[in-house]
Amino acid sequence: MWLSPRDFLNTTFLMIAGDADINLGHFDAAIDAYRRALDSGFREFFVYARLSAAYADAGRIDEAKASSAEARRLNPNFTVKSMIEHMPNWPAVFEGVRKAGLPEE
C-alpha cells in the first residue's frame, strides 16, 4: 500500500483488514480501516454497513446510526436479513447493525 497508494486494490485490502478486526473485537481498528476505504473513494453501501456495525460494537451509537442510514440511502432494500443471507459467518457485524437500527426485514 505504501509503494502504490493509488492502487484500486488498496480498498479491498482495507475491507479485509476491517473485516478481520471487527470479528476479532478490535472495533477501533475496524473503524479506521473502513473509514480509510471510504476516504479512498470506495463508497458502497456494504462499507457503510460494516462501519455502522463497528461503531455500534464500539458503543458509538450515534455514528453507527448515521452510517446505517447512509447504507440504507445507497441501498433501500438493505436489511439485517439480506446481510445474513450474503455474509452468514459474521455475527459481530449482524449484532452491530442491529444495535445501529438497521431493519430486520
PDB file of N, CA and C in Angstrom:
ATOM      1  N   MET A   1       0.815  -1.180   0.000  1.00  0.00           N
ATOM      2  CA  MET A   1       0.000   0.000   0.000  1.00  0.00           C
ATOM      3  C   MET A   1       0.867   1.256   0.000  1.00  0.00           C
ATOM      4  N   TRP A   2       1.995   1.165   0.677  1.00  0.00           N
ATOM      5  CA  TRP A   2       2.880   2.331   0.714  1.00  0.00           C
ATOM      6  C   TRP A   2       3.551   2.554  -0.641  1.00  0.00           C
ATOM      7  N   LEU A   3       3.843   1.463  -1.331  1.00  0.00           N
ATOM      8  CA  LEU A   3       4.527   1.574  -2.613  1.00  0.00           C
ATOM      9  C   LEU A   3       3.599   2.088  -3.725  1.00  0.00           C
ATOM     10  N   SER A   4       2.321   1.801  -3.602  1.00  0.00           N
ATOM     11  CA  SER A   4       1.374   2.196  -4.643  1.00  0.00           C
ATOM     12  C   SER A   4       0.077   2.696  -3.998  1.00  0.00           C
ATOM     13  N   PRO A   5       0.093   3.875  -3.407  1.00  0.00           N
ATOM     14  CA  PRO A   5      -1.066   4.349  -2.637  1.00  0.00           C
ATOM     15  C   PRO A   5      -2.327   4.568  -3.460  1.00  0.00           C
ATOM     16  N   ARG A   6      -2.225   4.678  -4.770  1.00  0.00           N
ATOM     17  CA  ARG A   6      -3.409   4.899  -5.603  1.00  0.00           C
ATOM     18  C   ARG A   6      -3.935   3.616  -6.239  1.00  0.00           C
ATOM     19  N   ASP A   7      -3.373   2.502  -5.889  1.00  0.00           N
ATOM     20  CA  ASP A   7      -3.803   1.221  -6.428  1.00  0.00           C
ATOM     21  C   ASP A   7      -5.242   0.940  -5.997  1.00  0.00           C
ATOM     22  N   PHE A   8      -6.108   0.604  -6.951  1.00  0.00           N
ATOM     23  CA  PHE A   8      -7.512   0.379  -6.640  1.00  0.00           C
ATOM     24  C   PHE A   8      -7.724  -0.824  -5.725  1.00  0.00           C
ATOM     25  N   LEU A   9      -6.777  -1.744  -5.663  1.00  0.00           N
ATOM     26  CA  LEU A   9      -6.910  -2.904  -4.777  1.00  0.00           C
ATOM     27  C   LEU A   9      -6.701  -2.552  -3.308  1.00  0.00           C
ATOM     28  N   ASN A  10      -6.168  -1.377  -3.013  1.00  0.00           N
ATOM     29  CA  ASN A  10      -5.979  -0.981  -1.617  1.00  0.00           C
ATOM     30  C   ASN A  10      -7.289  -1.004  -0.856  1.00  0.00           C
ATOM     31  N   THR A  11      -8.371  -0.614  -1.508  1.00  0.00           N
ATOM     32  CA  THR A  11      -9.664  -0.616  -0.816  1.00  0.00           C
ATOM     33  C   THR A  11     -10.068  -2.035  -0.429  1.00  0.00           C
ATOM     34  N   THR A  12      -9.751  -2.994  -1.280  1.00  0.00           N
ATOM     35  CA  THR A  12     -10.047  -4.387  -0.960  1.00  0.00           C
ATOM     36  C   THR A  12      -9.262  -4.826   0.267  1.00  0.00           C
ATOM     37  N   PHE A  13      -8.001  -4.468   0.313  1.00  0.00           N
ATOM     38  CA  PHE A  13      -7.179  -4.832   1.466  1.00  0.00           C
ATOM     39  C   PHE A  13      -7.689  -4.159   2.741  1.00  0.00           C
ATOM     40  N   LEU A  14      -8.128  -2.918   2.621  1.00  0.00           N
ATOM     41  CA  LEU A  14      -8.679  -2.214   3.787  1.00  0.00           C
ATOM     42  C   LEU A  14      -9.953  -2.889   4.276  1.00  0.00           C
ATOM     43  N   MET A  15     -10.794  -3.323   3.357  1.00  0.00           N
ATOM     44  CA  MET A  15     -12.011  -4.030   3.748  1.00  0.00           C
ATOM     45  C   MET A  15     -11.678  -5.346   4.448  1.00  0.00           C
ATOM     46  N   ILE A  16     -10.728  -6.076   3.918  1.00  0.00           N
ATOM     47  CA  ILE A  16     -10.326  -7.344   4.535  1.00  0.00           C
ATOM     48  C   ILE A  16      -9.775  -7.097   5.934  1.00  0.00           C
ATOM     49  N   ALA A  17      -8.957  -6.063   6.082  1.00  0.00           N
ATOM     50  CA  ALA A  17      -8.407  -5.729   7.401  1.00  0.00           C
ATOM     51  C   ALA A  17      -9.527  -5.347   8.362  1.00  0.00           C
ATOM     52  N   GLY A  18     -10.467  -4.529   7.896  1.00  0.00           N
ATOM     53  CA  GLY A  18     -11.596  -4.139   8.739  1.00  0.00           C
ATOM     54  C   GLY A  18     -12.441  -5.330   9.146  1.00  0.00           C
ATOM     55  N   ASP A  19     -12.672  -6.231   8.202  1.00  0.00           N
ATOM     56  CA  ASP A  19     -13.458  -7.435   8.495  1.00  0.00           C
ATOM     57  C   ASP A  19     -12.768  -8.305   9.541  1.00  0.00           C
ATOM     58  N   ALA A  20     -11.475  -8.466   9.400  1.00  0.00           N
ATOM     59  CA  ALA A  20     -10.729  -9.257  10.386  1.00  0.00           C
ATOM     60  C   ALA A  20     -10.787  -8.585  11.754  1.00  0.00           C
ATOM     61  N   ASP A  21     -10.583  -7.273  11.783  1.00  0.00           N
ATOM     62  CA  ASP A  21     -10.584  -6.554  13.061  1.00  0.00           C
ATOM     63  C   ASP A  21     -11.936  -6.611  13.755  1.00  0.00           C
ATOM     64  N   ILE A  22     -13.008  -6.415  13.027  1.00  0.00           N
ATOM     65  CA  ILE A  22     -14.319  -6.418  13.684  1.00  0.00           C
ATOM     66  C   ILE A  22     -14.634  -7.802  14.249  1.00  0.00           C
ATOM     67  N   ASN A  23     -14.258  -8.847  13.519  1.00  0.00           N
ATOM     68  CA  ASN A  23     -14.534 -10.196  14.015  1.00  0.00           C
ATOM     69  C   ASN A  23     -13.614 -10.607  15.160  1.00  0.00           C
ATOM     70  N   LEU A  24     -12.480  -9.913  15.297  1.00  0.00           N
ATOM     71  CA  LEU A  24     -11.584 -10.164  16.436  1.00  0.00           C
ATOM     72  C   LEU A  24     -11.933  -9.282  17.634  1.00  0.00           C
ATOM     73  N   GLY A  25     -12.889  -8.374  17.444  1.00  0.00           N
ATOM     74  CA  GLY A  25     -13.267  -7.479  18.535  1.00  0.00           C
ATOM     75  C   GLY A  25     -12.421  -6.224  18.612  1.00  0.00           C
ATOM     76  N   HIS A  26     -11.643  -5.950  17.584  1.00  0.00           N
ATOM     77  CA  HIS A  26     -10.808  -4.745  17.533  1.00  0.00           C
ATOM     78  C   HIS A  26     -11.584  -3.656  16.784  1.00  0.00           C
ATOM     79  N   PHE A  27     -12.579  -3.097  17.465  1.00  0.00           N
ATOM     80  CA  PHE A  27     -13.539  -2.225  16.798  1.00  0.00           C
ATOM     81  C   PHE A  27     -12.935  -0.905  16.331  1.00  0.00           C
ATOM     82  N   ASP A  28     -12.039  -0.322  17.109  1.00  0.00           N
ATOM     83  CA  ASP A  28     -11.421   0.937  16.683  1.00  0.00           C
ATOM     84  C   ASP A  28     -10.560   0.740  15.438  1.00  0.00           C
ATOM     85  N   ALA A  29      -9.860  -0.371  15.365  1.00  0.00           N
ATOM     86  CA  ALA A  29      -9.050  -0.665  14.177  1.00  0.00           C
ATOM     87  C   ALA A  29      -9.952  -0.913  12.970  1.00  0.00           C
ATOM     88  N   ALA A  30     -11.082  -1.588  13.190  1.00  0.00           N
ATOM     89  CA  ALA A  30     -12.033  -1.819  12.099  1.00  0.00           C
ATOM     90  C   ALA A  30     -12.604  -0.497  11.600  1.00  0.00           C
ATOM     91  N   ILE A  31     -12.954   0.385  12.527  1.00  0.00           N
ATOM     92  CA  ILE A  31     -13.463   1.708  12.146  1.00  0.00           C
ATOM     93  C   ILE A  31     -12.442   2.431  11.288  1.00  0.00           C
ATOM     94  N   ASP A  32     -11.190   2.388  11.714  1.00  0.00           N
ATOM     95  CA  ASP A  32     -10.127   3.055  10.959  1.00  0.00           C
ATOM     96  C   ASP A  32     -10.005   2.476   9.545  1.00  0.00           C
ATOM     97  N   ALA A  33     -10.038   1.164   9.425  1.00  0.00           N
ATOM     98  CA  ALA A  33      -9.897   0.532   8.111  1.00  0.00           C
ATOM     99  C   ALA A  33     -11.076   0.878   7.206  1.00  0.00           C
ATOM    100  N   TYR A  34     -12.279   0.806   7.744  1.00  0.00           N
ATOM    101  CA  TYR A  34     -13.457   1.123   6.928  1.00  0.00           C
ATOM    102  C   TYR A  34     -13.493   2.609   6.548  1.00  0.00           C
ATOM    103  N   ARG A  35     -13.099   3.480   7.459  1.00  0.00           N
ATOM    104  CA  ARG A  35     -13.051   4.916   7.137  1.00  0.00           C
ATOM    105  C   ARG A  35     -12.028   5.178   6.034  1.00  0.00           C
ATOM    106  N   ARG A  36     -10.892   4.501   6.120  1.00  0.00           N
ATOM    107  CA  ARG A  36      -9.868   4.678   5.083  1.00  0.00           C
ATOM    108  C   ARG A  36     -10.360   4.169   3.730  1.00  0.00           C
ATOM    109  N   ALA A  37     -11.129   3.083   3.728  1.00  0.00           N
ATOM    110  CA  ALA A  37     -11.707   2.588   2.472  1.00  0.00           C
ATOM    111  C   ALA A  37     -12.671   3.623   1.899  1.00  0.00           C
ATOM    112  N   LEU A  38     -13.500   4.208   2.751  1.00  0.00           N
ATOM    113  CA  LEU A  38     -14.426   5.254   2.291  1.00  0.00           C
ATOM    114  C   LEU A  38     -13.663   6.476   1.799  1.00  0.00           C
ATOM    115  N   ASP A  39     -12.642   6.864   2.538  1.00  0.00           N
ATOM    116  CA  ASP A  39     -11.857   8.043   2.154  1.00  0.00           C
ATOM    117  C   ASP A  39     -11.128   7.850   0.826  1.00  0.00           C
ATOM    118  N   SER A  40     -10.854   6.606   0.487  1.00  0.00           N
ATOM    119  CA  SER A  40     -10.169   6.338  -0.786  1.00  0.00           C
ATOM    120  C   SER A  40     -11.140   6.324  -1.963  1.00  0.00           C
ATOM    121  N   GLY A  41     -12.430   6.516  -1.679  1.00  0.00           N
ATOM    122  CA  GLY A  41     -13.419   6.592  -2.747  1.00  0.00           C
ATOM    123  C   GLY A  41     -14.302   5.373  -2.896  1.00  0.00           C
ATOM    124  N   PHE A  42     -14.135   4.386  -2.064  1.00  0.00           N
ATOM    125  CA  PHE A  42     -14.935   3.158  -2.124  1.00  0.00           C
ATOM    126  C   PHE A  42     -16.193   3.361  -1.297  1.00  0.00           C
ATOM    127  N   ARG A  43     -17.201   3.983  -1.887  1.00  0.00           N
ATOM    128  CA  ARG A  43     -18.403   4.382  -1.159  1.00  0.00           C
ATOM    129  C   ARG A  43     -19.594   3.504  -1.525  1.00  0.00           C
ATOM    130  N   GLU A  44     -19.521   2.262  -1.128  1.00  0.00           N
ATOM    131  CA  GLU A  44     -20.590   1.301  -1.374  1.00  0.00           C
ATOM    132  C   GLU A  44     -21.379   1.076  -0.088  1.00  0.00           C
ATOM    133  N   PHE A  45     -22.628   0.658  -0.232  1.00  0.00           N
ATOM    134  CA  PHE A  45     -23.499   0.504   0.932  1.00  0.00           C
ATOM    135  C   PHE A  45     -22.946  -0.476   1.958  1.00  0.00           C
ATOM    136  N   PHE A  46     -22.292  -1.529   1.498  1.00  0.00           N
ATOM    137  CA  PHE A  46     -21.799  -2.525   2.438  1.00  0.00           C
ATOM    138  C   PHE A  46     -20.611  -2.030   3.258  1.00  0.00           C
ATOM    139  N   VAL A  47     -19.883  -1.054   2.751  1.00  0.00           N
ATOM    140  CA  VAL A  47     -18.801  -0.458   3.548  1.00  0.00           C
ATOM    141  C   VAL A  47     -19.423   0.344   4.689  1.00  0.00           C
ATOM    142  N   TYR A  48     -20.452   1.123   4.375  1.00  0.00           N
ATOM    143  CA  TYR A  48     -21.142   1.882   5.416  1.00  0.00           C
ATOM    144  C   TYR A  48     -21.803   0.955   6.434  1.00  0.00           C
ATOM    145  N   ALA A  49     -22.334  -0.167   5.976  1.00  0.00           N
ATOM    146  CA  ALA A  49     -22.961  -1.116   6.895  1.00  0.00           C
ATOM    147  C   ALA A  49     -21.939  -1.705   7.867  1.00  0.00           C
ATOM    148  N   ARG A  50     -20.802  -2.086   7.351  1.00  0.00           N
ATOM    149  CA  ARG A  50     -19.756  -2.646   8.218  1.00  0.00           C
ATOM    150  C   ARG A  50     -19.217  -1.582   9.166  1.00  0.00           C
ATOM    151  N   LEU A  51     -19.070  -0.359   8.664  1.00  0.00           N
ATOM    152  CA  LEU A  51     -18.642   0.741   9.530  1.00  0.00           C
ATOM    153  C   LEU A  51     -19.668   0.967  10.625  1.00  0.00           C
ATOM    154  N   SER A  52     -20.935   0.905  10.271  1.00  0.00           N
ATOM    155  CA  SER A  52     -22.014   1.055  11.241  1.00  0.00           C
ATOM    156  C   SER A  52     -21.905   0.003  12.343  1.00  0.00           C
ATOM    157  N   ALA A  53     -21.653  -1.233  11.950  1.00  0.00           N
ATOM    158  CA  ALA A  53     -21.512  -2.308  12.930  1.00  0.00           C
ATOM    159  C   ALA A  53     -20.319  -2.076  13.849  1.00  0.00           C
ATOM    160  N   ALA A  54     -19.209  -1.634  13.279  1.00  0.00           N
ATOM    161  CA  ALA A  54     -18.014  -1.379  14.098  1.00  0.00           C
ATOM    162  C   ALA A  54     -18.276  -0.244  15.084  1.00  0.00           C
ATOM    163  N   TYR A  55     -18.920   0.825  14.624  1.00  0.00           N
ATOM    164  CA  TYR A  55     -19.267   1.920  15.527  1.00  0.00           C
ATOM    165  C   TYR A  55     -20.183   1.429  16.654  1.00  0.00           C
ATOM    166  N   ALA A  56     -21.200   0.662  16.296  1.00  0.00           N
ATOM    167  CA  ALA A  56     -22.148   0.179  17.310  1.00  0.00           C
ATOM    168  C   ALA A  56     -21.451  -0.724  18.321  1.00  0.00           C
ATOM    169  N   ASP A  57     -20.615  -1.625  17.835  1.00  0.00           N
ATOM    170  CA  ASP A  57     -19.900  -2.531  18.742  1.00  0.00           C
ATOM    171  C   ASP A  57     -18.927  -1.772  19.637  1.00  0.00           C
ATOM    172  N   ALA A  58     -18.465  -0.617  19.173  1.00  0.00           N
ATOM    173  CA  ALA A  58     -17.568   0.220  19.977  1.00  0.00           C
ATOM    174  C   ALA A  58     -18.348   1.140  20.919  1.00  0.00           C
ATOM    175  N   GLY A  59     -19.677   1.087  20.851  1.00  0.00           N
ATOM    176  CA  GLY A  59     -20.507   1.910  21.729  1.00  0.00           C
ATOM    177  C   GLY A  59     -20.754   3.313  21.203  1.00  0.00           C
ATOM    178  N   ARG A  60     -20.454   3.550  19.958  1.00  0.00           N
ATOM    179  CA  ARG A  60     -20.625   4.878  19.345  1.00  0.00           C
ATOM    180  C   ARG A  60     -21.910   4.863  18.509  1.00  0.00           C
ATOM    181  N   ILE A  61     -23.040   4.820  19.211  1.00  0.00           N
ATOM    182  CA  ILE A  61     -24.339   4.567  18.589  1.00  0.00           C
ATOM    183  C   ILE A  61     -24.756   5.664  17.619  1.00  0.00           C
ATOM    184  N   ASP A  62     -24.534   6.925  17.942  1.00  0.00           N
ATOM    185  CA  ASP A  62     -24.936   7.998  17.019  1.00  0.00           C
ATOM    186  C   ASP A  62     -24.221   7.884  15.680  1.00  0.00           C
ATOM    187  N   GLU A  63     -22.930   7.602  15.722  1.00  0.00           N
ATOM    188  CA  GLU A  63     -22.177   7.425  14.488  1.00  0.00           C
ATOM    189  C   GLU A  63     -22.626   6.160  13.748  1.00  0.00           C
ATOM    190  N   ALA A  64     -22.965   5.128  14.518  1.00  0.00           N
ATOM    191  CA  ALA A  64     -23.457   3.886  13.929  1.00  0.00           C
ATOM    192  C   ALA A  64     -24.760   4.131  13.179  1.00  0.00           C
ATOM    193  N   LYS A  65     -25.649   4.891  13.778  1.00  0.00           N
ATOM    194  CA  LYS A  65     -26.936   5.172  13.138  1.00  0.00           C
ATOM    195  C   LYS A  65     -26.750   6.004  11.876  1.00  0.00           C
ATOM    196  N   ALA A  66     -25.823   6.943  11.899  1.00  0.00           N
ATOM    197  CA  ALA A  66     -25.560   7.759  10.703  1.00  0.00           C
ATOM    198  C   ALA A  66     -25.013   6.896   9.568  1.00  0.00           C
ATOM    199  N   SER A  67     -24.104   5.985   9.870  1.00  0.00           N
ATOM    200  CA  SER A  67     -23.548   5.097   8.849  1.00  0.00           C
ATOM    201  C   SER A  67     -24.608   4.130   8.331  1.00  0.00           C
ATOM    202  N   SER A  68     -25.444   3.637   9.231  1.00  0.00           N
ATOM    203  CA  SER A  68     -26.532   2.748   8.833  1.00  0.00           C
ATOM    204  C   SER A  68     -27.514   3.462   7.911  1.00  0.00           C
ATOM    205  N   ALA A  69     -27.814   4.711   8.228  1.00  0.00           N
ATOM    206  CA  ALA A  69     -28.719   5.500   7.386  1.00  0.00           C
ATOM    207  C   ALA A  69     -28.126   5.705   5.996  1.00  0.00           C
ATOM    208  N   GLU A  70     -26.825   5.918   5.924  1.00  0.00           N
ATOM    209  CA  GLU A  70     -26.177   6.089   4.618  1.00  0.00           C
ATOM    210  C   GLU A  70     -26.213   4.774   3.832  1.00  0.00           C
ATOM    211  N   ALA A  71     -26.013   3.653   4.501  1.00  0.00           N
ATOM    212  CA  ALA A  71     -26.099   2.354   3.826  1.00  0.00           C
ATOM    213  C   ALA A  71     -27.502   2.153   3.261  1.00  0.00           C
ATOM    214  N   ARG A  72     -28.514   2.521   4.035  1.00  0.00           N
ATOM    215  CA  ARG A  72     -29.907   2.382   3.564  1.00  0.00           C
ATOM    216  C   ARG A  72     -30.216   3.388   2.452  1.00  0.00           C
ATOM    217  N   ARG A  73     -29.610   4.547   2.486  1.00  0.00           N
ATOM    218  CA  ARG A  73     -29.836   5.519   1.420  1.00  0.00           C
ATOM    219  C   ARG A  73     -29.279   4.979   0.103  1.00  0.00           C
ATOM    220  N   LEU A  74     -28.105   4.351   0.168  1.00  0.00           N
ATOM    221  CA  LEU A  74     -27.479   3.808  -1.027  1.00  0.00           C
ATOM    222  C   LEU A  74     -28.171   2.541  -1.525  1.00  0.00           C
ATOM    223  N   ASN A  75     -28.748   1.781  -0.600  1.00  0.00           N
ATOM    224  CA  ASN A  75     -29.471   0.552  -0.960  1.00  0.00           C
ATOM    225  C   ASN A  75     -30.684   0.431  -0.037  1.00  0.00           C
ATOM    226  N   PRO A  76     -31.841   0.968  -0.457  1.00  0.00           N
ATOM    227  CA  PRO A  76     -33.037   0.961   0.395  1.00  0.00           C
ATOM    228  C   PRO A  76     -33.534  -0.438   0.775  1.00  0.00           C
ATOM    229  N   ASN A  77     -33.148  -1.450   0.035  1.00  0.00           N
ATOM    230  CA  ASN A  77     -33.583  -2.824   0.330  1.00  0.00           C
ATOM    231  C   ASN A  77     -32.659  -3.538   1.309  1.00  0.00           C
ATOM    232  N   PHE A  78     -31.660  -2.851   1.798  1.00  0.00           N
ATOM    233  CA  PHE A  78     -30.665  -3.457   2.680  1.00  0.00           C
ATOM    234  C   PHE A  78     -31.237  -3.659   4.085  1.00  0.00           C
ATOM    235  N   THR A  79     -31.200  -4.890   4.563  1.00  0.00           N
ATOM    236  CA  THR A  79     -31.715  -5.241   5.894  1.00  0.00           C
ATOM    237  C   THR A  79     -30.756  -6.218   6.570  1.00  0.00           C
ATOM    238  N   VAL A  80     -31.006  -6.489   7.846  1.00  0.00           N
ATOM    239  CA  VAL A  80     -30.206  -7.496   8.550  1.00  0.00           C
ATOM    240  C   VAL A  80     -30.377  -8.845   7.869  1.00  0.00           C
ATOM    241  N   LYS A  81     -31.605  -9.167   7.474  1.00  0.00           N
ATOM    242  CA  LYS A  81     -31.868 -10.447   6.811  1.00  0.00           C
ATOM    243  C   LYS A  81     -31.053 -10.585   5.522  1.00  0.00           C
ATOM    244  N   SER A  82     -31.035  -9.540   4.706  1.00  0.00           N
ATOM    245  CA  SER A  82     -30.262  -9.621   3.461  1.00  0.00           C
ATOM    246  C   SER A  82     -28.767  -9.722   3.744  1.00  0.00           C
ATOM    247  N   MET A  83     -28.335  -9.080   4.803  1.00  0.00           N
ATOM    248  CA  MET A  83     -26.923  -9.148   5.176  1.00  0.00           C
ATOM    249  C   MET A  83     -26.552 -10.571   5.605  1.00  0.00           C
ATOM    250  N   ILE A  84     -27.413 -11.197   6.400  1.00  0.00           N
ATOM    251  CA  ILE A  84     -27.144 -12.569   6.853  1.00  0.00           C
ATOM    252  C   ILE A  84     -27.133 -13.532   5.674  1.00  0.00           C
ATOM    253  N   GLU A  85     -28.012 -13.301   4.691  1.00  0.00           N
ATOM    254  CA  GLU A  85     -28.050 -14.174   3.522  1.00  0.00           C
ATOM    255  C   GLU A  85     -26.758 -14.097   2.714  1.00  0.00           C
ATOM    256  N   HIS A  86     -26.129 -12.930   2.672  1.00  0.00           N
ATOM    257  CA  HIS A  86     -24.923 -12.751   1.865  1.00  0.00           C
ATOM    258  C   HIS A  86     -23.624 -12.924   2.651  1.00  0.00           C
ATOM    259  N   MET A  87     -23.685 -12.788   3.957  1.00  0.00           N
ATOM    260  CA  MET A  87     -22.480 -12.921   4.796  1.00  0.00           C
ATOM    261  C   MET A  87     -22.834 -13.719   6.049  1.00  0.00           C
ATOM    262  N   PRO A  88     -23.105 -15.012   5.914  1.00  0.00           N
ATOM    263  CA  PRO A  88     -23.635 -15.781   7.042  1.00  0.00           C
ATOM    264  C   PRO A  88     -22.690 -16.003   8.220  1.00  0.00           C
ATOM    265  N   ASN A  89     -21.419 -15.738   8.076  1.00  0.00           N
ATOM    266  CA  ASN A  89     -20.463 -16.074   9.134  1.00  0.00           C
ATOM    267  C   ASN A  89     -19.918 -14.865   9.881  1.00  0.00           C
ATOM    268  N   TRP A  90     -20.636 -13.764   9.898  1.00  0.00           N
ATOM    269  CA  TRP A  90     -20.145 -12.553  10.541  1.00  0.00           C
ATOM    270  C   TRP A  90     -21.069 -12.076  11.655  1.00  0.00           C
ATOM    271  N   PRO A  91     -21.194 -12.841  12.737  1.00  0.00           N
ATOM    272  CA  PRO A  91     -22.116 -12.443  13.804  1.00  0.00           C
ATOM    273  C   PRO A  91     -21.783 -11.094  14.436  1.00  0.00           C
ATOM    274  N   ALA A  92     -20.526 -10.704  14.485  1.00  0.00           N
ATOM    275  CA  ALA A  92     -20.172  -9.394  15.062  1.00  0.00           C
ATOM    276  C   ALA A  92     -20.778  -8.267  14.238  1.00  0.00           C
ATOM    277  N   VAL A  93     -20.836  -8.458  12.934  1.00  0.00           N
ATOM    278  CA  VAL A  93     -21.419  -7.441  12.059  1.00  0.00           C
ATOM    279  C   VAL A  93     -22.931  -7.414  12.226  1.00  0.00           C
ATOM    280  N   PHE A  94     -23.564  -8.585  12.301  1.00  0.00           N
ATOM    281  CA  PHE A  94     -25.023  -8.624  12.435  1.00  0.00           C
ATOM    282  C   PHE A  94     -25.483  -7.935  13.705  1.00  0.00           C
ATOM    283  N   GLU A  95     -24.824  -8.250  14.799  1.00  0.00           N
ATOM    284  CA  GLU A  95     -25.222  -7.636  16.071  1.00  0.00           C
ATOM    285  C   GLU A  95     -24.983  -6.133  16.049  1.00  0.00           C
ATOM    286  N   GLY A  96     -23.914  -5.723  15.430  1.00  0.00           N
ATOM    287  CA  GLY A  96     -23.613  -4.301  15.335  1.00  0.00           C
ATOM    288  C   GLY A  96     -24.654  -3.537  14.547  1.00  0.00           C
ATOM    289  N   VAL A  97     -25.052  -4.080  13.395  1.00  0.00           N
ATOM    290  CA  VAL A  97     -26.047  -3.361  12.589  1.00  0.00           C
ATOM    291  C   VAL A  97     -27.416  -3.380  13.250  1.00  0.00           C
ATOM    292  N   ARG A  98     -27.678  -4.412  14.030  1.00  0.00           N
ATOM    293  CA  ARG A  98     -28.932  -4.416  14.808  1.00  0.00           C
ATOM    294  C   ARG A  98     -28.918  -3.284  15.831  1.00  0.00           C
ATOM    295  N   LYS A  99     -27.794  -3.132  16.527  1.00  0.00           N
ATOM    296  CA  LYS A  99     -27.667  -2.046  17.510  1.00  0.00           C
ATOM    297  C   LYS A  99     -27.796  -0.680  16.843  1.00  0.00           C
ATOM    298  N   ALA A 100     -27.359  -0.589  15.592  1.00  0.00           N
ATOM    299  CA  ALA A 100     -27.403   0.678  14.863  1.00  0.00           C
ATOM    300  C   ALA A 100     -28.786   0.976  14.298  1.00  0.00           C
ATOM    301  N   GLY A 101     -29.689   0.023  14.412  1.00  0.00           N
ATOM    302  CA  GLY A 101     -31.054   0.268  13.979  1.00  0.00           C
ATOM    303  C   GLY A 101     -31.385  -0.156  12.563  1.00  0.00           C
ATOM    304  N   LEU A 102     -30.553  -0.980  11.939  1.00  0.00           N
ATOM    305  CA  LEU A 102     -30.880  -1.484  10.599  1.00  0.00           C
ATOM    306  C   LEU A 102     -32.090  -2.396  10.723  1.00  0.00           C
ATOM    307  N   PRO A 103     -33.114  -2.216   9.872  1.00  0.00           N
ATOM    308  CA  PRO A 103     -34.313  -3.055   9.945  1.00  0.00           C
ATOM    309  C   PRO A 103     -33.978  -4.529   9.745  1.00  0.00           C
ATOM    310  N   GLU A 104     -34.735  -5.392  10.434  1.00  0.00           N
ATOM    311  CA  GLU A 104     -34.530  -6.830  10.304  1.00  0.00           C
ATOM    312  C   GLU A 104     -34.927  -7.334   8.919  1.00  0.00           C
ATOM    313  N   GLU A 105     -36.057  -6.855   8.413  1.00  0.00           N
ATOM    314  CA  GLU A 105     -36.522  -7.291   7.091  1.00  0.00           C
ATOM    315  C   GLU A 105     -36.973  -6.118   6.274  1.00  0.00           C
TER     316      GLU A 105
END
